[in-house]
Amino acid sequence: MSDAPGADTVSSSGPPFRPAWWAPTGLAQTLAGMRASSPMPPLRLETVLTPDGDELRLHWQDAHDARAPLVLLLHGLEGSRHSPYVRATAAAAAAHGFAFVALEFRSCGGVLNRARRTYHSGETTDCAFVVSTLAARAPGRPLLPIGFSLGGNVVLKWLGEVGDQAPANVLAAAAISPPYDLGACGHRCDTRLGGVLARHFLRTLIPTAIAKERQHPGIYDPVAVRRCRTFRAFDELVTAPVFGFRDVEHFYSSQGCGQFLPAIRRPALLVSALDDPLVDPAVLPHATIAASKFLHAQFSPRGGHVAFLDGGAPWRPRRWAEAHAMQFFRAQLAAAGVPLPAFVPVR
């Protein structure tokens, strides 16, 4: 449940979201948001070796100034560099003169990783490793993490875990449609609309899990995994044992970002919609936000899940959240006295 009733909208600076007339509901927003609104930018691939001997793939869009602030994007469940919000964020970052890099979680983007494990909603060691790697390369370069859905949970959970020990160059962060409470979100996806939301993601989660079991025989029962029709069943069979949780309840109760929010010590923008079909509005942390000077929320009555389409055409929607996050970053950089690159609107 929510930690306080709160108002429908706890506003950060900037204009409020107003949905496009052709996508008035949360489900319509969410479905339309799966369409790309920006062309795929030419991203430069970097493969980095992790401390456990695996690899992570970073996809870069460089800025004209090598010292420009760097936006680090963490995608959602089963997302990749090809996800529409990745393209939109890269375009918005370029308009503000920021550099951009997208981290693909292990096994995402069409490449099966080598290690026994892949990723999950609260797995923050890869995020921490990438942040520390980027910070070590350029200690004075502002770093701005942004996460979408699962990636938003990871960003916020990591910020709460490190608290005031976050690297000095991490000046601000943003999370778009984070789940806050994994148990509540998983139940909602398993039960709403006949469970179609969960099955949408399981269409790729299950084949990846089967391929991983072939790579590491015996880590779980592949026959049982093939029969999974809910997040709960999949997380009980795969996520919990692979990552060392006692059971699925232990995984859900310990990995949601909501409980980590009070410890965050960097300005963080939280964007959510009350009509999100995946995230129950009852879990939105109104009281936690009200008690923190670091959390800035934009909770909109409309917007769906990782959508927030405020214009354009249905076949080429205009996305609000990505641009809003860049404006938030720009304001935080200005407040910190960081020289700002010129803003050049995308045409």
Protein backbone atom coordinates (compact mmCIF):
# COMPACT_ATOMS: atom_id res chain seq x y z
CA MET A 1 0.00 0.00 0.00
CA SER A 2 0.99 3.62 -0.34
CA ASP A 3 2.80 5.12 2.62
CA ALA A 4 0.39 8.10 2.55
CA PRO A 5 -2.63 9.14 0.53
CA GLY A 6 -0.97 12.14 -1.11
CA ALA A 7 -2.21 14.21 -4.01
CA ASP A 8 -2.55 12.87 -7.52
CA THR A 9 0.41 14.91 -8.68
CA VAL A 10 3.50 15.81 -6.69
CA SER A 11 5.15 18.09 -9.18
CA SER A 12 8.78 18.61 -9.99
CA SER A 13 9.74 21.71 -11.91
CA GLY A 14 8.56 21.78 -15.51
CA PRO A 15 5.28 21.56 -17.37
CA PRO A 16 2.83 18.79 -16.44
CA PHE A 17 2.14 15.88 -18.75
CA ARG A 18 -0.97 15.98 -20.94
CA PRO A 19 -1.72 12.87 -23.01
CA ALA A 20 -2.13 12.93 -26.76
CA TRP A 21 -5.78 12.83 -27.77
CA TRP A 22 -5.30 9.53 -29.60
CA ALA A 23 -3.93 7.74 -26.48
CA PRO A 24 -6.18 8.82 -23.58
CA THR A 25 -5.86 5.72 -21.35
CA GLY A 26 -2.96 4.03 -19.63
CA LEU A 27 -3.21 0.92 -21.77
CA ALA A 28 -3.42 2.96 -24.99
CA GLN A 29 -0.40 5.00 -23.88
CA THR A 30 1.57 1.87 -23.02
CA LEU A 31 0.84 0.11 -26.30
CA ALA A 32 1.54 3.20 -28.40
CA GLY A 33 4.72 3.81 -26.41
CA MET A 34 6.16 0.57 -27.77
CA ARG A 35 6.52 2.27 -31.15
CA ALA A 36 9.74 4.10 -31.86
CA SER A 37 9.44 7.86 -32.19
CA SER A 38 13.09 8.53 -33.05
CA PRO A 39 15.42 6.92 -35.58
CA MET A 40 18.02 4.53 -34.23
CA PRO A 41 21.17 6.58 -33.58
CA PRO A 42 24.56 5.23 -34.66
CA LEU A 43 25.80 3.97 -31.30
CA ARG A 44 29.38 2.97 -30.65
CA LEU A 45 29.76 -0.42 -28.93
CA GLU A 46 32.11 -0.95 -26.01
CA THR A 47 32.42 -4.32 -24.29
CA VAL A 48 33.72 -4.22 -20.71
CA LEU A 49 34.91 -7.18 -18.64
CA THR A 50 33.16 -7.55 -15.28
CA PRO A 51 34.86 -8.56 -12.01
CA ASP A 52 33.29 -12.04 -12.26
CA GLY A 53 34.71 -12.67 -15.73
CA ASP A 54 31.56 -11.89 -17.72
CA GLU A 55 30.97 -9.04 -20.17
CA LEU A 56 28.70 -6.00 -20.31
CA ARG A 57 27.84 -4.11 -23.48
CA LEU A 58 27.81 -0.30 -23.45
CA HIS A 59 26.36 1.61 -26.40
CA TRP A 60 27.72 5.15 -26.75
CA GLN A 61 26.62 8.37 -28.40
CA ASP A 62 29.47 10.83 -27.97
CA ALA A 63 29.08 14.58 -27.56
CA HIS A 64 31.12 17.26 -29.31
CA ASP A 65 32.72 18.13 -25.97
CA ALA A 66 34.49 15.19 -24.31
CA ARG A 67 33.79 16.84 -20.92
CA ALA A 68 30.03 17.13 -21.51
CA PRO A 69 27.71 15.58 -18.91
CA LEU A 70 27.12 11.88 -19.53
CA VAL A 71 23.64 10.32 -19.38
CA LEU A 72 23.78 6.63 -18.38
CA LEU A 73 20.63 4.72 -19.34
CA LEU A 74 19.42 1.46 -17.78
CA HIS A 75 16.62 -0.17 -19.77
CA GLY A 76 13.56 -2.08 -18.64
CA LEU A 77 12.73 -5.76 -18.44
CA GLU A 78 13.85 -7.49 -21.65
CA GLY A 79 14.71 -4.14 -23.20
CA SER A 80 17.84 -3.26 -25.14
CA ARG A 81 19.49 -0.45 -27.07
CA HIS A 82 16.66 -0.83 -29.59
CA SER A 83 13.89 0.07 -27.13
CA PRO A 84 11.92 3.18 -28.17
CA TYR A 85 12.73 5.06 -24.96
CA VAL A 86 16.45 4.45 -25.53
CA ARG A 87 16.24 6.14 -28.90
CA ALA A 88 14.19 9.00 -27.47
CA THR A 89 16.60 9.52 -24.57
CA ALA A 90 19.60 9.52 -26.88
CA ALA A 91 17.92 12.17 -29.05
CA ALA A 92 16.95 14.29 -26.02
CA ALA A 93 20.46 14.01 -24.55
CA ALA A 94 22.00 15.11 -27.86
CA ALA A 95 19.67 18.12 -28.00
CA HIS A 96 21.01 19.23 -24.62
CA GLY A 97 24.63 18.66 -25.63
CA PHE A 98 25.00 15.65 -23.32
CA ALA A 99 26.84 12.46 -24.14
CA PHE A 100 24.85 9.24 -23.80
CA VAL A 101 25.58 5.61 -23.00
CA ALA A 102 23.13 2.71 -22.65
CA LEU A 103 24.01 -0.29 -20.51
CA GLU A 104 22.50 -3.53 -21.78
CA PHE A 105 21.87 -5.95 -18.94
CA ARG A 106 23.36 -9.42 -19.19
CA SER A 107 21.62 -11.58 -21.84
CA CYS A 108 19.75 -8.61 -23.35
CA GLY A 109 20.24 -7.20 -26.84
CA GLY A 110 20.39 -10.61 -28.50
CA VAL A 111 23.65 -11.75 -26.89
CA LEU A 112 23.63 -14.54 -24.27
CA ASN A 113 26.14 -13.80 -21.54
CA ARG A 114 28.64 -16.40 -20.30
CA ALA A 115 28.01 -16.39 -16.55
CA ARG A 116 25.40 -18.52 -14.79
CA ARG A 117 23.33 -15.51 -13.88
CA THR A 118 21.72 -12.81 -16.00
CA TYR A 119 19.93 -9.86 -14.33
CA HIS A 120 16.88 -9.06 -12.24
CA SER A 121 14.87 -6.07 -11.00
CA GLY A 122 17.05 -5.40 -7.97
CA GLU A 123 20.47 -6.53 -9.18
CA THR A 124 22.65 -3.46 -8.71
CA THR A 125 26.23 -4.76 -8.89
CA ASP A 126 26.50 -4.22 -12.66
CA CYS A 127 25.11 -0.70 -12.32
CA ALA A 128 27.57 0.03 -9.52
CA PHE A 129 30.46 -1.41 -11.55
CA VAL A 130 29.64 0.66 -14.65
CA VAL A 131 29.19 3.85 -12.62
CA SER A 132 32.52 3.34 -10.85
CA THR A 133 34.24 2.55 -14.16
CA LEU A 134 32.91 5.69 -15.82
CA ALA A 135 33.69 7.81 -12.75
CA ALA A 136 37.27 6.53 -12.65
CA ARG A 137 37.81 7.35 -16.33
CA ALA A 138 36.74 10.97 -15.96
CA PRO A 139 36.43 11.95 -12.26
CA GLY A 140 35.18 15.47 -12.97
CA ARG A 141 32.63 14.59 -15.64
CA PRO A 142 29.01 14.85 -14.44
CA LEU A 143 27.25 11.49 -14.59
CA LEU A 144 23.44 11.33 -14.82
CA PRO A 145 21.85 7.86 -14.49
CA ILE A 146 18.33 7.33 -15.82
CA GLY A 147 16.36 4.09 -15.61
CA PHE A 148 13.11 2.92 -17.18
CA SER A 149 10.80 0.48 -15.38
CA LEU A 150 13.13 -2.28 -14.11
CA GLY A 151 16.09 -0.01 -14.85
CA GLY A 152 14.46 2.71 -12.76
CA ASN A 153 14.18 0.28 -9.85
CA VAL A 154 17.87 -0.54 -10.22
CA VAL A 155 18.93 3.12 -10.33
CA LEU A 156 16.88 4.10 -7.26
CA LYS A 157 17.82 0.99 -5.27
CA TRP A 158 21.52 1.56 -6.01
CA LEU A 159 21.29 5.22 -4.99
CA GLY A 160 19.67 4.16 -1.73
CA GLU A 161 22.26 1.47 -1.11
CA VAL A 162 25.20 3.86 -1.50
CA GLY A 163 23.52 6.88 0.12
CA ASP A 164 25.96 9.72 0.66
CA GLN A 165 28.80 7.48 -0.58
CA ALA A 166 27.63 7.82 -4.20
CA PRO A 167 30.46 8.95 -6.50
CA ALA A 168 30.86 12.72 -6.39
CA ASN A 169 30.29 13.11 -10.12
CA VAL A 170 26.82 11.47 -9.91
CA LEU A 171 24.95 14.77 -9.70
CA ALA A 172 21.36 13.67 -10.33
CA ALA A 173 19.27 10.69 -11.48
CA ALA A 174 15.85 9.91 -12.93
CA ALA A 175 13.51 6.92 -12.90
CA ILE A 176 10.59 6.53 -15.31
CA SER A 177 7.78 4.15 -14.23
CA PRO A 178 9.77 2.22 -11.58
CA PRO A 179 7.81 -0.58 -9.84
CA TYR A 180 8.65 0.42 -6.21
CA ASP A 181 7.15 -2.85 -4.87
CA LEU A 182 8.06 -5.96 -6.88
CA GLY A 183 5.47 -8.23 -5.28
CA ALA A 184 2.60 -5.83 -5.97
CA CYS A 185 3.81 -5.16 -9.51
CA GLY A 186 4.29 -8.85 -10.29
CA HIS A 187 0.82 -9.71 -8.97
CA ARG A 188 -0.74 -6.93 -11.04
CA CYS A 189 0.96 -8.19 -14.21
CA ASP A 190 0.03 -11.80 -13.46
CA THR A 191 -3.67 -11.06 -12.91
CA ARG A 192 -4.76 -8.00 -14.90
CA LEU A 193 -6.14 -8.57 -18.38
CA GLY A 194 -5.97 -12.31 -17.85
CA GLY A 195 -2.22 -12.24 -17.25
CA VAL A 196 -1.39 -10.98 -20.74
CA LEU A 197 1.12 -8.46 -19.35
CA ALA A 198 3.25 -11.15 -17.72
CA ARG A 199 3.03 -13.47 -20.72
CA HIS A 200 4.24 -10.66 -22.98
CA PHE A 201 7.57 -10.61 -21.13
CA LEU A 202 7.72 -14.38 -20.59
CA ARG A 203 7.80 -14.86 -24.36
CA THR A 204 11.47 -13.82 -24.26
CA LEU A 205 12.36 -14.56 -20.63
CA ILE A 206 11.58 -18.28 -20.99
CA PRO A 207 13.67 -18.93 -24.14
CA THR A 208 16.60 -17.10 -22.58
CA ALA A 209 16.26 -19.17 -19.41
CA ILE A 210 16.16 -22.38 -21.47
CA ALA A 211 19.30 -21.32 -23.35
CA LYS A 212 20.99 -20.47 -20.06
CA GLU A 213 20.19 -23.94 -18.66
CA ARG A 214 21.79 -25.54 -21.73
CA GLN A 215 24.85 -23.39 -21.06
CA HIS A 216 24.88 -24.34 -17.35
CA PRO A 217 23.05 -27.69 -17.08
CA GLY A 218 21.10 -28.39 -13.92
CA ILE A 219 20.64 -24.85 -12.61
CA TYR A 220 16.86 -25.37 -12.76
CA ASP A 221 14.25 -27.61 -14.40
CA PRO A 222 13.81 -26.43 -18.02
CA VAL A 223 10.59 -28.43 -18.46
CA ALA A 224 9.01 -26.63 -15.53
CA VAL A 225 10.29 -23.28 -16.81
CA ARG A 226 8.61 -23.88 -20.17
CA ARG A 227 5.28 -24.23 -18.34
CA CYS A 228 5.55 -20.86 -16.57
CA ARG A 229 2.65 -18.53 -17.26
CA THR A 230 3.21 -15.98 -14.48
CA PHE A 231 6.06 -13.85 -13.18
CA ARG A 232 5.64 -15.51 -9.79
CA ALA A 233 6.17 -18.99 -11.20
CA PHE A 234 9.18 -17.86 -13.24
CA ASP A 235 10.79 -16.00 -10.35
CA GLU A 236 10.22 -18.98 -8.03
CA LEU A 237 11.84 -21.41 -10.48
CA VAL A 238 14.58 -19.22 -11.99
CA THR A 239 15.29 -15.86 -10.35
CA ALA A 240 15.19 -16.89 -6.69
CA PRO A 241 17.48 -19.95 -6.86
CA VAL A 242 19.95 -18.53 -9.39
CA PHE A 243 20.50 -15.36 -7.35
CA GLY A 244 20.48 -17.04 -3.94
CA PHE A 245 17.15 -15.86 -2.53
CA ARG A 246 15.37 -18.14 -0.06
CA ASP A 247 12.25 -18.10 -2.19
CA VAL A 248 10.20 -15.79 -4.38
CA GLU A 249 8.84 -13.90 -1.35
CA HIS A 250 12.38 -13.13 -0.21
CA PHE A 251 13.19 -11.85 -3.71
CA TYR A 252 10.12 -9.64 -3.94
CA SER A 253 10.33 -8.25 -0.40
CA SER A 254 14.02 -7.36 -0.53
CA GLN A 255 14.55 -5.98 -4.04
CA GLY A 256 11.92 -3.26 -4.60
CA CYS A 257 13.35 0.26 -4.62
CA GLY A 258 10.60 1.76 -2.45
CA GLN A 259 12.28 0.80 0.82
CA PHE A 260 15.60 2.33 -0.32
CA LEU A 261 14.26 5.77 -1.23
CA PRO A 262 14.78 7.41 2.22
CA ALA A 263 18.55 6.84 1.97
CA ILE A 264 18.98 8.56 -1.42
CA ARG A 265 21.30 11.58 -1.23
CA ARG A 266 21.29 12.81 -4.80
CA PRO A 267 18.52 14.75 -6.56
CA ALA A 268 16.30 12.13 -8.19
CA LEU A 269 13.31 12.63 -10.48
CA LEU A 270 10.55 10.03 -10.13
CA VAL A 271 8.01 9.91 -12.98
CA SER A 272 4.93 7.67 -12.74
CA ALA A 273 1.35 7.58 -14.00
CA LEU A 274 -1.71 6.69 -11.94
CA ASP A 275 -3.10 4.76 -14.92
CA ASP A 276 0.03 2.61 -15.34
CA PRO A 277 -1.28 -0.88 -16.19
CA LEU A 278 1.80 -2.56 -14.69
CA VAL A 279 2.37 -0.53 -11.49
CA ASP A 280 -0.39 -0.15 -8.90
CA PRO A 281 -0.77 3.54 -7.93
CA ALA A 282 -1.24 2.40 -4.34
CA VAL A 283 2.52 1.79 -4.09
CA LEU A 284 3.55 5.32 -5.08
CA PRO A 285 5.68 6.62 -2.17
CA HIS A 286 4.03 9.98 -1.47
CA ALA A 287 5.07 10.35 2.17
CA THR A 288 8.66 9.25 1.53
CA ILE A 289 8.96 11.86 -1.19
CA ALA A 290 7.41 14.55 1.01
CA ALA A 291 9.96 13.78 3.74
CA SER A 292 13.00 13.96 1.43
CA LYS A 293 14.68 17.02 -0.05
CA PHE A 294 16.31 14.81 -2.70
CA LEU A 295 13.25 13.19 -4.29
CA HIS A 296 11.32 15.16 -6.93
CA ALA A 297 8.18 13.44 -8.20
CA GLN A 298 5.99 13.94 -11.21
CA PHE A 299 2.99 11.67 -10.62
CA SER A 300 0.54 12.21 -13.44
CA PRO A 301 -3.06 11.00 -13.70
CA ARG A 302 -2.28 9.73 -17.22
CA GLY A 303 0.75 8.39 -19.04
CA GLY A 304 0.72 4.59 -18.91
CA HIS A 305 3.91 2.59 -18.41
CA VAL A 306 7.14 4.03 -19.88
CA ALA A 307 5.03 5.96 -22.38
CA PHE A 308 3.95 9.55 -21.59
CA LEU A 309 3.05 10.39 -25.17
CA ASP A 310 1.92 14.00 -25.42
CA GLY A 311 1.65 14.57 -29.16
CA GLY A 312 2.81 13.68 -32.61
CA ALA A 313 0.99 11.06 -34.67
CA PRO A 314 0.08 7.53 -33.52
CA TRP A 315 2.72 6.10 -35.88
CA ARG A 316 5.36 8.58 -34.66
CA PRO A 317 4.49 9.66 -31.12
CA ARG A 318 6.16 12.49 -29.25
CA ARG A 319 7.54 11.40 -25.87
CA TRP A 320 7.38 13.69 -22.84
CA ALA A 321 9.22 11.85 -20.05
CA GLU A 322 12.62 11.64 -21.74
CA ALA A 323 12.64 15.37 -22.53
CA HIS A 324 11.37 16.18 -19.04
CA ALA A 325 14.20 14.16 -17.48
CA MET A 326 16.81 16.03 -19.54
CA GLN A 327 15.31 19.34 -18.41
CA PHE A 328 15.52 18.13 -14.80
CA PHE A 329 19.16 17.17 -15.32
CA ARG A 330 19.90 20.56 -16.84
CA ALA A 331 18.35 22.33 -13.84
CA GLN A 332 20.38 20.22 -11.39
CA LEU A 333 23.60 20.84 -13.30
CA ALA A 334 22.93 24.57 -13.26
CA ALA A 335 22.25 24.46 -9.52
CA ALA A 336 25.61 22.69 -9.04
CA GLY A 337 27.40 25.38 -11.05
CA VAL A 338 28.25 23.11 -13.97
CA PRO A 339 28.71 24.96 -17.30
CA LEU A 340 25.87 23.91 -19.60
CA PRO A 341 26.19 22.99 -23.28
CA ALA A 342 23.97 24.83 -25.70
CA PHE A 343 20.46 23.44 -26.15
CA VAL A 344 19.61 22.65 -29.78
CA PRO A 345 16.03 21.35 -30.18
CA VAL A 346 15.56 18.19 -32.24
CA ARG A 347 13.91 19.00 -35.56
